[in-house]
Amino acid sequence: MHWRPPDDRTVRHAQYKETALKFALLVLKAPFQHQASASALAFARASLDQGHQLVRVFFYEEGVQNANRLAAPSAPDTNLVHLWSNLASEQGVDLVVCASAGLRRGLREANLAPGFRISGLGQLIEATIIADRLVTFGG
């Protein structure tokens, strides 16, 4: 067997693996109506485990329900609201809920889960400027 230099794809793949990316996530669906929230949470954990940075998770449209501390799922192990809060406290992830989308759906500071904060769409715009990639879940 003879030695061959790596082809261009191998070199690009190796360079990509060594480069940490900055991700911003946009979650558009409620936690118990769609797989989007669980997928976003899994992506967030996996990206952090791989050494990438999570600039911000922005919850918009029905996704603002992920921040409702009054949510009562049928099984405690699937309490995505609690799991998002854990991610914020353990990893320091910025969880931002759209103010206008939240108000339309009855979300107020009083029923906001720990680790979440309410702000405007400017936070989403800022996250897309800072991040290398915006990944949307539920769109």
Protein backbone atom coordinates (compact mmCIF):
# COMPACT_ATOMS: atom_id res chain seq x y z
CA MET A 1 0.00 0.00 0.00
CA HIS A 2 1.42 3.36 -1.00
CA TRP A 3 1.07 6.59 0.90
CA ARG A 4 -1.19 9.16 -0.74
CA PRO A 5 -1.65 12.75 0.36
CA PRO A 6 -5.13 13.48 1.70
CA ASP A 7 -7.58 14.77 -0.84
CA ASP A 8 -9.02 18.28 -0.52
CA ARG A 9 -12.20 17.06 1.23
CA THR A 10 -10.22 15.44 4.05
CA VAL A 11 -8.17 18.57 4.61
CA ARG A 12 -11.28 20.79 4.70
CA HIS A 13 -13.02 18.38 7.10
CA ALA A 14 -10.04 18.34 9.46
CA GLN A 15 -9.85 22.13 9.46
CA TYR A 16 -13.58 22.40 10.15
CA LYS A 17 -13.39 20.04 13.13
CA GLU A 18 -10.71 22.18 14.75
CA THR A 19 -12.69 25.42 14.38
CA ALA A 20 -15.25 26.27 17.03
CA LEU A 21 -18.37 27.91 15.64
CA LYS A 22 -20.75 30.38 17.24
CA PHE A 23 -24.37 29.27 16.93
CA ALA A 24 -27.59 31.17 17.52
CA LEU A 25 -30.80 29.14 17.75
CA LEU A 26 -34.33 30.20 16.87
CA VAL A 27 -37.14 28.07 18.35
CA LEU A 28 -40.58 28.59 16.79
CA LYS A 29 -42.73 25.81 18.28
CA ALA A 30 -44.18 25.11 21.72
CA PRO A 31 -42.49 22.37 23.74
CA PHE A 32 -45.35 19.87 23.78
CA GLN A 33 -46.84 20.29 20.31
CA HIS A 34 -43.83 19.64 18.11
CA GLN A 35 -40.39 17.99 18.14
CA ALA A 36 -38.66 21.33 17.41
CA SER A 37 -37.97 22.28 21.03
CA ALA A 38 -36.49 18.89 21.94
CA SER A 39 -34.38 18.93 18.77
CA ALA A 40 -33.13 22.45 19.54
CA LEU A 41 -32.22 21.42 23.08
CA ALA A 42 -30.35 18.34 21.82
CA PHE A 43 -28.53 20.46 19.23
CA ALA A 44 -27.60 23.03 21.90
CA ARG A 45 -26.16 20.37 24.20
CA ALA A 46 -24.30 18.60 21.39
CA SER A 47 -22.79 21.82 20.06
CA LEU A 48 -21.58 22.83 23.54
CA ASP A 49 -20.18 19.33 24.10
CA GLN A 50 -18.23 19.67 20.84
CA GLY A 51 -16.66 22.92 22.03
CA HIS A 52 -18.82 25.31 20.03
CA GLN A 53 -20.30 28.48 21.49
CA LEU A 54 -24.01 29.13 21.85
CA VAL A 55 -24.51 32.88 21.44
CA ARG A 56 -28.22 32.89 22.25
CA VAL A 57 -31.43 30.87 22.01
CA PHE A 58 -34.32 33.05 20.86
CA PHE A 59 -37.90 31.85 21.35
CA TYR A 60 -40.44 33.33 18.95
CA GLU A 61 -44.05 32.71 17.86
CA GLU A 62 -45.37 29.56 19.64
CA GLY A 63 -41.83 28.87 20.83
CA VAL A 64 -42.29 31.38 23.67
CA GLN A 65 -44.26 28.65 25.47
CA ASN A 66 -40.91 27.01 26.23
CA ALA A 67 -40.43 29.69 28.89
CA ASN A 68 -43.74 29.21 30.71
CA ARG A 69 -42.96 27.88 34.19
CA LEU A 70 -46.63 26.97 34.63
CA ALA A 71 -46.42 24.24 31.97
CA ALA A 72 -47.35 20.83 33.36
CA PRO A 73 -46.17 17.98 31.12
CA SER A 74 -47.52 14.50 31.68
CA ALA A 75 -44.09 12.98 32.34
CA PRO A 76 -41.45 14.79 34.42
CA ASP A 77 -38.57 13.52 32.26
CA THR A 78 -40.02 15.37 29.27
CA ASN A 79 -40.37 18.73 30.99
CA LEU A 80 -38.61 20.75 28.31
CA VAL A 81 -39.20 24.03 30.16
CA HIS A 82 -37.22 22.67 33.10
CA LEU A 83 -34.54 21.22 30.80
CA TRP A 84 -34.05 24.60 29.08
CA SER A 85 -33.75 26.25 32.51
CA ASN A 86 -31.11 23.69 33.49
CA LEU A 87 -29.14 24.44 30.33
CA ALA A 88 -29.15 28.14 31.18
CA SER A 89 -28.01 27.61 34.77
CA GLU A 90 -25.40 24.93 34.00
CA GLN A 91 -23.92 26.37 30.80
CA GLY A 92 -24.76 30.09 31.07
CA VAL A 93 -26.79 30.01 27.85
CA ASP A 94 -28.76 33.19 27.11
CA LEU A 95 -32.44 32.23 26.70
CA VAL A 96 -34.46 35.13 25.27
CA VAL A 97 -38.22 35.23 24.76
CA CYS A 98 -39.74 37.66 22.27
CA ALA A 99 -41.67 40.26 24.25
CA SER A 100 -44.52 40.82 21.80
CA ALA A 101 -44.98 37.11 21.00
CA GLY A 102 -44.96 36.35 24.71
CA LEU A 103 -47.52 39.02 25.56
CA ARG A 104 -49.86 37.75 22.83
CA ARG A 105 -49.70 34.32 24.46
CA GLY A 106 -50.07 35.46 28.06
CA LEU A 107 -46.42 35.11 29.04
CA ARG A 108 -45.37 37.63 31.69
CA GLU A 109 -42.40 37.98 34.03
CA ALA A 110 -44.54 36.40 36.76
CA ASN A 111 -44.80 33.07 34.93
CA LEU A 112 -41.37 33.08 33.30
CA ALA A 113 -39.25 30.00 34.04
CA PRO A 114 -35.81 30.49 35.62
CA GLY A 115 -33.03 31.28 33.17
CA PHE A 116 -35.28 32.97 30.61
CA ARG A 117 -35.57 36.69 29.99
CA ILE A 118 -38.01 38.74 27.94
CA SER A 119 -36.67 41.10 25.29
CA GLY A 120 -37.34 42.31 21.76
CA LEU A 121 -36.50 41.17 18.26
CA GLY A 122 -33.34 43.24 18.40
CA GLN A 123 -31.83 40.41 20.45
CA LEU A 124 -32.43 38.00 17.55
CA ILE A 125 -30.84 40.43 15.10
CA GLU A 126 -27.84 40.91 17.37
CA ALA A 127 -27.44 37.13 17.75
CA THR A 128 -27.45 36.64 13.96
CA ILE A 129 -24.74 39.31 13.61
CA ILE A 130 -22.52 37.76 16.29
CA ALA A 131 -23.09 34.10 15.36
CA ASP A 132 -21.50 32.20 12.50
CA ARG A 133 -24.74 30.27 11.96
CA LEU A 134 -28.41 30.74 12.81
CA VAL A 135 -30.20 27.41 13.15
CA THR A 136 -34.01 27.47 13.11
CA PHE A 137 -36.17 24.80 14.70
CA GLY A 138 -39.84 24.50 13.79
CA GLY A 139 -39.85 26.83 10.80
